[in-house]
Protein backbone atom coordinates (compact mmCIF):
# COMPACT_ATOMS: atom_id res chain seq x y z
CA MET A 1 11.22 -11.42 20.42
CA THR A 2 9.53 -10.17 17.25
CA TYR A 3 7.18 -7.59 18.78
CA PRO A 4 9.64 -4.64 18.98
CA GLU A 5 11.17 -5.34 15.58
CA GLN A 6 8.21 -6.42 13.46
CA LEU A 7 4.76 -5.77 14.91
CA ARG A 8 5.27 -2.57 16.94
CA PRO A 9 6.62 -0.42 14.06
CA ARG A 10 3.57 -1.33 11.94
CA GLN A 11 1.21 -0.20 14.73
CA LEU A 12 2.66 3.31 15.04
CA ALA A 13 0.00 5.91 14.17
CA GLY A 14 2.20 8.89 15.01
CA LYS A 15 4.62 10.61 17.37
CA TYR A 16 3.66 13.74 19.25
CA ASN A 17 4.70 16.23 21.90
CA ALA A 18 2.54 18.02 24.45
CA VAL A 19 2.67 21.62 25.57
CA GLU A 20 2.48 20.35 29.16
CA PRO A 21 4.75 17.27 29.51
CA GLY A 22 2.97 15.85 32.59
CA PHE A 23 -0.50 16.16 31.05
CA TRP A 24 -1.23 12.47 31.60
CA LYS A 25 -0.72 12.41 35.39
CA ASN A 26 -4.16 13.47 36.59
CA GLN A 27 -6.16 12.23 33.68
CA ASP A 28 -7.95 9.12 32.53
CA LEU A 29 -7.95 7.92 28.96
CA PRO A 30 -11.24 7.38 27.14
CA ALA A 31 -12.61 3.82 27.33
CA GLU A 32 -11.38 3.11 23.79
CA ALA A 33 -7.74 3.88 24.62
CA PHE A 34 -5.11 2.25 26.84
CA TRP A 35 -1.86 3.29 28.49
CA GLY A 36 1.18 1.26 27.51
CA GLY A 37 4.95 1.42 28.03
CA GLU A 38 6.43 3.54 30.79
CA ILE A 39 3.13 5.11 31.86
CA ALA A 40 1.48 1.70 32.33
CA ALA A 41 4.53 0.40 34.22
CA ALA A 42 4.47 3.48 36.49
CA LYS A 43 0.76 3.00 37.21
CA LEU A 44 1.41 -0.64 38.17
CA ASN A 45 4.41 -0.17 40.45
CA LYS A 46 3.91 3.44 41.64
CA TYR A 47 7.59 4.42 41.69
CA LEU A 48 8.77 4.83 38.08
CA LYS A 49 9.12 8.32 36.62
CA PRO A 50 8.12 7.92 32.96
CA GLU A 51 9.66 10.07 30.24
CA ASN A 52 7.76 8.63 27.27
CA VAL A 53 4.01 8.28 26.81
CA THR A 54 2.50 5.34 24.93
CA ILE A 55 -1.20 5.23 24.09
CA TYR A 56 -2.94 2.42 22.20
CA THR A 57 -6.25 3.03 20.40
CA ASN A 58 -8.08 2.37 17.14
CA ASP A 59 -10.71 5.06 17.58
CA GLU A 60 -9.57 8.12 15.59
CA ALA A 61 -12.44 10.32 16.82
CA VAL A 62 -11.51 9.65 20.45
CA LEU A 63 -7.84 10.19 19.67
CA ASN A 64 -8.49 13.51 17.91
CA LYS A 65 -10.54 14.84 20.85
CA TYR A 66 -7.80 13.76 23.27
CA ILE A 67 -5.10 15.43 21.16
CA ILE A 68 -7.02 18.71 21.00
CA LYS A 69 -7.95 18.67 24.70
CA ASN A 70 -4.34 18.13 25.79
CA ARG A 71 -2.73 20.43 23.20
CA ILE A 72 -0.68 17.66 21.68
CA ARG A 73 1.02 18.31 18.36
CA LYS A 74 2.62 16.04 15.79
CA ASP A 75 6.40 15.79 16.14
CA PRO A 76 8.56 13.06 14.54
CA GLU A 77 10.93 13.26 17.52
CA GLY A 78 8.14 13.44 20.11
CA LYS A 79 7.94 11.56 23.39
CA ILE A 80 4.29 10.58 22.91
CA GLU A 81 3.60 7.54 20.75
CA ILE A 82 0.13 6.65 19.55
CA LEU A 83 -0.15 3.03 18.43
CA LYS A 84 -3.05 1.07 16.97
CA THR A 85 -4.45 -1.75 19.07
CA PHE A 86 -3.96 -5.20 17.57
CA TRP A 87 -5.54 -7.53 20.11
CA ILE A 88 -9.05 -8.75 20.78
CA ARG A 89 -10.45 -6.73 23.64
CA GLU A 90 -10.91 -8.77 26.80
CA GLN A 91 -14.15 -8.51 28.76
CA LYS A 92 -12.66 -8.58 32.28
CA ARG A 93 -9.32 -7.01 32.98
CA PRO A 94 -7.67 -6.19 36.28
CA TYR A 95 -6.52 -2.78 34.94
CA PRO A 96 -9.08 -1.56 32.39
CA ASP A 97 -7.05 1.49 31.32
CA LEU A 98 -3.77 -0.40 30.76
CA VAL A 99 -2.62 -2.79 28.07
CA HIS A 100 -1.88 -6.38 29.11
CA PRO A 101 1.17 -6.66 31.43
CA ILE A 102 3.07 -8.71 28.84
CA LEU A 103 2.73 -5.83 26.36
CA ILE A 104 3.82 -3.34 29.04
CA TYR A 105 6.99 -5.40 29.47
CA ALA A 106 7.51 -5.67 25.69
CA ASP A 107 7.17 -1.88 25.27
C-alpha cells in the first residue's frame, strides 16, 4: 500500500497538541474539514478510545479559527495531525464529517 509511505507524508500540514486532550469529543468540525484516523473509526464503531486526532482540510482560514478556538499549538511530537485533503469532494456521503471509510482504514 503506497498511501502511508508516499502520499500521506506529503499531505501533512502540521502536528499539534491541545491544552485539553479531549477537545474533539463534543464538537463538530467546520464543513470544510473532516475527521480521519482514530477519531473517525471511533465515531463509526462507538467503542474505540482514540489517542491521536487526524483532521483533513484545505481551508487555512477555517483551520486557523479552529486552532485558536480549541487552544491548539504547534508541536512536532503532537498527537493532532492536520493533513491536506487530496480527493474530489463527493456530493452525497453517509458520514459528512468523516473521510471515506477506506481512508479511515488506511490511516
